[in-house]
Structure formats: structure tokens, C-alpha cells
Amino acid sequence: MVVFDSSTLILLAKVDLLDEFLNDYGGKVLIPREVETESCYRKKSFDALLIRKRIQEKKIVVMKMSNTALCTRLMQDFRICKGEAETLVLALERKAKLVATDDKNAIKACKLLKLSFTSAIAILVRLSEKGIIDTEMTETALETLVKNGRYSDGIVKMAKEKLKIK
């Protein structure tokens, strides 16, 4: 089971990798209610429409997290938004294997809370390594992720090395 926050969900939709991930993963994909709101609020954008459609198809399941006190505490302690905090709480409550987040402070919280995590760029690398996407799609997706995400030069360099892109 993987729990997504809005940043990673939107990034994967923007680079046209959400369906590839959902088809390959095989496990449950969960999002908290706040992530649904954050991801689908622009009703006419491609990424919002795609995410909404996958929710309707039950490929992404929206769940309510219950520990609101912990959610508030995580928001304060790690200076993260409500969507990221709900993602972490839902992951803890459901004992998720993985948290998908591209938020720097949410990643720090994952480390402290001993939650395994991944990012959109790591998912791209994995899909490419497994041969699910071709070289051209990989390069295009990486370029778009770098443009839309807030990745450090080190992360981009590491991804390019793994993907054998110059």
C-alpha cells in the first residue's frame, strides 16, 4: 500500500506517468481527503481530470485519516501543509509500505517517523529501469519533472546517472 500526497500525484499526472505507475504497482493506492481536494480543485486541468477519473475508477482510494491531533502536530513540527500531514497520518494509521511525496519537509518527517518514501523522480527511474517506459518518454518526463518539481541539482544528477542521460 502506498499513500500519495498531492505534489507527487500531480507531478506524475503532469508527466503522463500516473497510469503507468498504477498499472505496474498492483497494490492499493490511497490518498487522504485533503489531497483529493488539493489535486482536483482545478477541475479543467488535465492532471486534475485524470486524478478525478482514477478516483472514480477506484484505482486511487480516498480515505479519511482519524488522528487530527497528530495531523496538527505534524503541520506545526515540520512546517508542512495539511495534505502532507494527512498523508503521513494516513500512512501511519494504515501501516502503509510507502509514502509518495516530493515535499522536502514531509520527507524529513518520513525519516523521523521511520516511514519509507519515494518521489516522482524515483518512480520515473523505476518505471524506466523496468522497461515500462521507453527512453524518449523517460527523457521527456525527466525534463518536465525538473521544470515543475523542486529538485536539487544532486537529485537530478543522480537520476540522470541512473537513467544514463547526459
Protein backbone atom coordinates (compact mmCIF):
# COMPACT_ATOMS: atom_id res chain seq x y z
CA MET A 1 0.00 0.00 0.00
CA VAL A 2 1.25 3.46 -0.91
CA VAL A 3 -0.16 6.78 0.28
CA PHE A 4 0.34 9.77 -2.01
CA ASP A 5 0.47 13.45 -1.24
CA SER A 6 -0.73 15.94 -3.82
CA SER A 7 2.67 17.07 -5.10
CA THR A 8 3.73 13.61 -6.26
CA LEU A 9 0.27 12.70 -7.54
CA ILE A 10 0.04 15.89 -9.62
CA LEU A 11 3.61 15.58 -10.91
CA LEU A 12 3.02 12.00 -12.10
CA ALA A 13 -0.21 13.08 -13.81
CA LYS A 14 1.54 16.05 -15.48
CA VAL A 15 4.28 13.85 -16.95
CA ASP A 16 1.82 11.16 -18.03
CA LEU A 17 3.21 8.51 -15.68
CA LEU A 18 0.31 8.12 -13.27
CA ASP A 19 -1.36 5.36 -15.26
CA GLU A 20 1.93 3.55 -15.81
CA PHE A 21 2.55 3.59 -12.07
CA LEU A 22 -1.00 2.49 -11.21
CA ASN A 23 -0.88 -0.37 -13.73
CA ASP A 24 2.53 -1.55 -12.59
CA TYR A 25 2.17 -1.16 -8.83
CA GLY A 26 -0.56 -3.69 -8.17
CA GLY A 27 -1.09 -2.67 -4.55
CA LYS A 28 -3.56 -0.22 -3.01
CA VAL A 29 -3.04 3.46 -3.74
CA LEU A 30 -4.53 5.73 -1.09
CA ILE A 31 -4.89 9.47 -0.67
CA PRO A 32 -6.40 11.40 2.22
CA ARG A 33 -9.34 13.75 1.65
CA GLU A 34 -7.20 16.88 1.71
CA VAL A 35 -5.01 15.51 -1.08
CA GLU A 36 -8.12 14.84 -3.14
CA THR A 37 -9.15 18.47 -2.65
CA GLU A 38 -5.67 19.82 -3.45
CA SER A 39 -5.24 17.59 -6.51
CA CYS A 40 -8.66 18.05 -8.07
CA TYR A 41 -9.56 21.67 -7.31
CA ARG A 42 -8.74 22.92 -10.83
CA LYS A 43 -11.50 20.91 -12.46
CA LYS A 44 -10.42 21.60 -16.05
CA SER A 45 -6.68 20.94 -15.86
CA PHE A 46 -5.52 17.67 -17.38
CA ASP A 47 -3.89 16.43 -14.18
CA ALA A 48 -6.98 17.20 -12.06
CA LEU A 49 -9.29 15.46 -14.54
CA LEU A 50 -7.02 12.42 -14.73
CA ILE A 51 -6.74 12.11 -10.96
CA ARG A 52 -10.52 12.55 -10.53
CA LYS A 53 -11.13 9.83 -13.17
CA ARG A 54 -8.78 7.38 -11.43
CA ILE A 55 -10.55 8.06 -8.14
CA GLN A 56 -13.92 7.36 -9.79
CA GLU A 57 -12.48 4.12 -11.22
CA LYS A 58 -11.29 3.22 -7.70
CA LYS A 59 -7.69 2.93 -8.86
CA ILE A 60 -6.98 5.61 -6.24
CA VAL A 61 -8.90 5.30 -3.00
CA VAL A 62 -9.75 8.36 -0.91
CA MET A 63 -9.68 7.62 2.82
CA LYS A 64 -10.24 9.67 5.90
CA MET A 65 -7.49 9.76 8.48
CA SER A 66 -8.67 9.95 12.05
CA ASN A 67 -5.89 11.34 14.25
CA THR A 68 -6.44 15.06 13.76
CA ALA A 69 -4.27 15.95 16.77
CA LEU A 70 -1.27 14.20 15.20
CA CYS A 71 -2.05 15.89 11.88
CA THR A 72 -1.96 19.32 13.53
CA ARG A 73 1.24 18.44 15.38
CA LEU A 74 2.99 17.32 12.19
CA MET A 75 1.93 20.52 10.43
CA GLN A 76 3.48 22.58 13.23
CA ASP A 77 6.58 20.49 13.87
CA PHE A 78 7.61 20.04 10.24
CA ARG A 79 6.03 23.13 8.70
CA ILE A 80 4.08 21.09 6.19
CA CYS A 81 0.67 21.69 4.68
CA LYS A 82 -2.45 19.83 5.68
CA GLY A 83 -2.28 17.49 2.68
CA GLU A 84 1.21 16.29 3.53
CA ALA A 85 0.31 15.91 7.21
CA GLU A 86 -2.84 13.91 6.41
CA THR A 87 -0.76 11.72 4.08
CA LEU A 88 1.68 10.91 6.87
CA VAL A 89 -1.06 10.24 9.41
CA LEU A 90 -2.95 8.01 6.97
CA ALA A 91 0.26 6.11 6.21
CA LEU A 92 0.85 5.55 9.93
CA GLU A 93 -2.76 4.55 10.61
CA ARG A 94 -2.95 2.13 7.67
CA LYS A 95 0.61 0.86 8.12
CA ALA A 96 1.44 1.73 4.53
CA LYS A 97 4.59 0.34 2.97
CA LEU A 98 5.40 3.60 1.26
CA VAL A 99 4.68 7.34 1.23
CA ALA A 100 4.92 9.13 -2.12
CA THR A 101 5.99 12.73 -1.51
CA ASP A 102 8.16 15.32 -3.18
CA ASP A 103 7.92 17.75 -0.27
CA LYS A 104 11.28 18.31 1.44
CA ASN A 105 9.82 18.73 4.92
CA ALA A 106 7.46 15.76 4.51
CA ILE A 107 10.50 13.66 3.54
CA LYS A 108 12.22 14.77 6.75
CA ALA A 109 9.11 13.74 8.69
CA CYS A 110 9.12 10.34 6.95
CA LYS A 111 12.70 9.79 8.04
CA LEU A 112 11.90 10.70 11.65
CA LEU A 113 8.71 8.61 11.67
CA LYS A 114 10.53 5.69 10.00
CA LEU A 115 8.19 5.69 7.00
CA SER A 116 9.62 4.52 3.69
CA PHE A 117 9.13 7.11 0.98
CA THR A 118 9.53 7.68 -2.72
CA SER A 119 9.26 10.65 -5.07
CA ALA A 120 8.02 11.27 -8.60
CA ILE A 121 11.58 11.25 -9.89
CA ALA A 122 12.29 7.92 -8.15
CA ILE A 123 9.09 6.46 -9.64
CA LEU A 124 10.23 7.65 -13.08
CA VAL A 125 13.60 5.92 -12.61
CA ARG A 126 11.89 2.70 -11.50
CA LEU A 127 9.45 2.67 -14.44
CA SER A 128 12.34 3.24 -16.83
CA GLU A 129 14.54 0.55 -15.25
CA LYS A 130 11.68 -1.94 -15.51
CA GLY A 131 11.26 -1.12 -19.21
CA ILE A 132 7.70 0.13 -18.73
CA ILE A 133 8.53 3.42 -20.43
CA ASP A 134 10.95 3.95 -23.31
CA THR A 135 13.98 6.23 -23.45
CA GLU A 136 12.17 9.07 -25.21
CA MET A 137 9.33 9.11 -22.67
CA THR A 138 11.86 8.88 -19.84
CA GLU A 139 13.82 11.89 -21.08
CA THR A 140 10.67 13.94 -21.70
CA ALA A 141 9.24 13.06 -18.29
CA LEU A 142 12.51 13.89 -16.51
CA GLU A 143 12.71 17.24 -18.28
CA THR A 144 9.14 18.07 -17.23
CA LEU A 145 9.71 16.92 -13.65
CA VAL A 146 12.83 19.07 -13.38
CA LYS A 147 10.88 22.05 -14.72
CA ASN A 148 7.82 21.54 -12.48
CA GLY A 149 9.36 19.97 -9.37
CA ARG A 150 11.75 21.50 -6.88
CA TYR A 151 14.59 19.04 -7.17
CA SER A 152 18.13 19.78 -6.08
CA ASP A 153 20.91 19.54 -8.63
CA GLY A 154 22.17 16.47 -6.79
CA ILE A 155 18.87 14.61 -7.15
CA VAL A 156 18.65 15.48 -10.85
CA LYS A 157 22.27 14.41 -11.41
CA MET A 158 21.69 11.10 -9.61
CA ALA A 159 18.53 10.43 -11.67
CA LYS A 160 20.36 11.20 -14.91
CA GLU A 161 23.18 8.84 -13.93
CA LYS A 162 20.75 6.02 -13.15
CA LEU A 163 18.88 6.67 -16.38
CA LYS A 164 22.10 7.11 -18.38
CA ILE A 165 21.01 10.53 -19.63
CA LYS A 166 23.52 13.31 -20.25
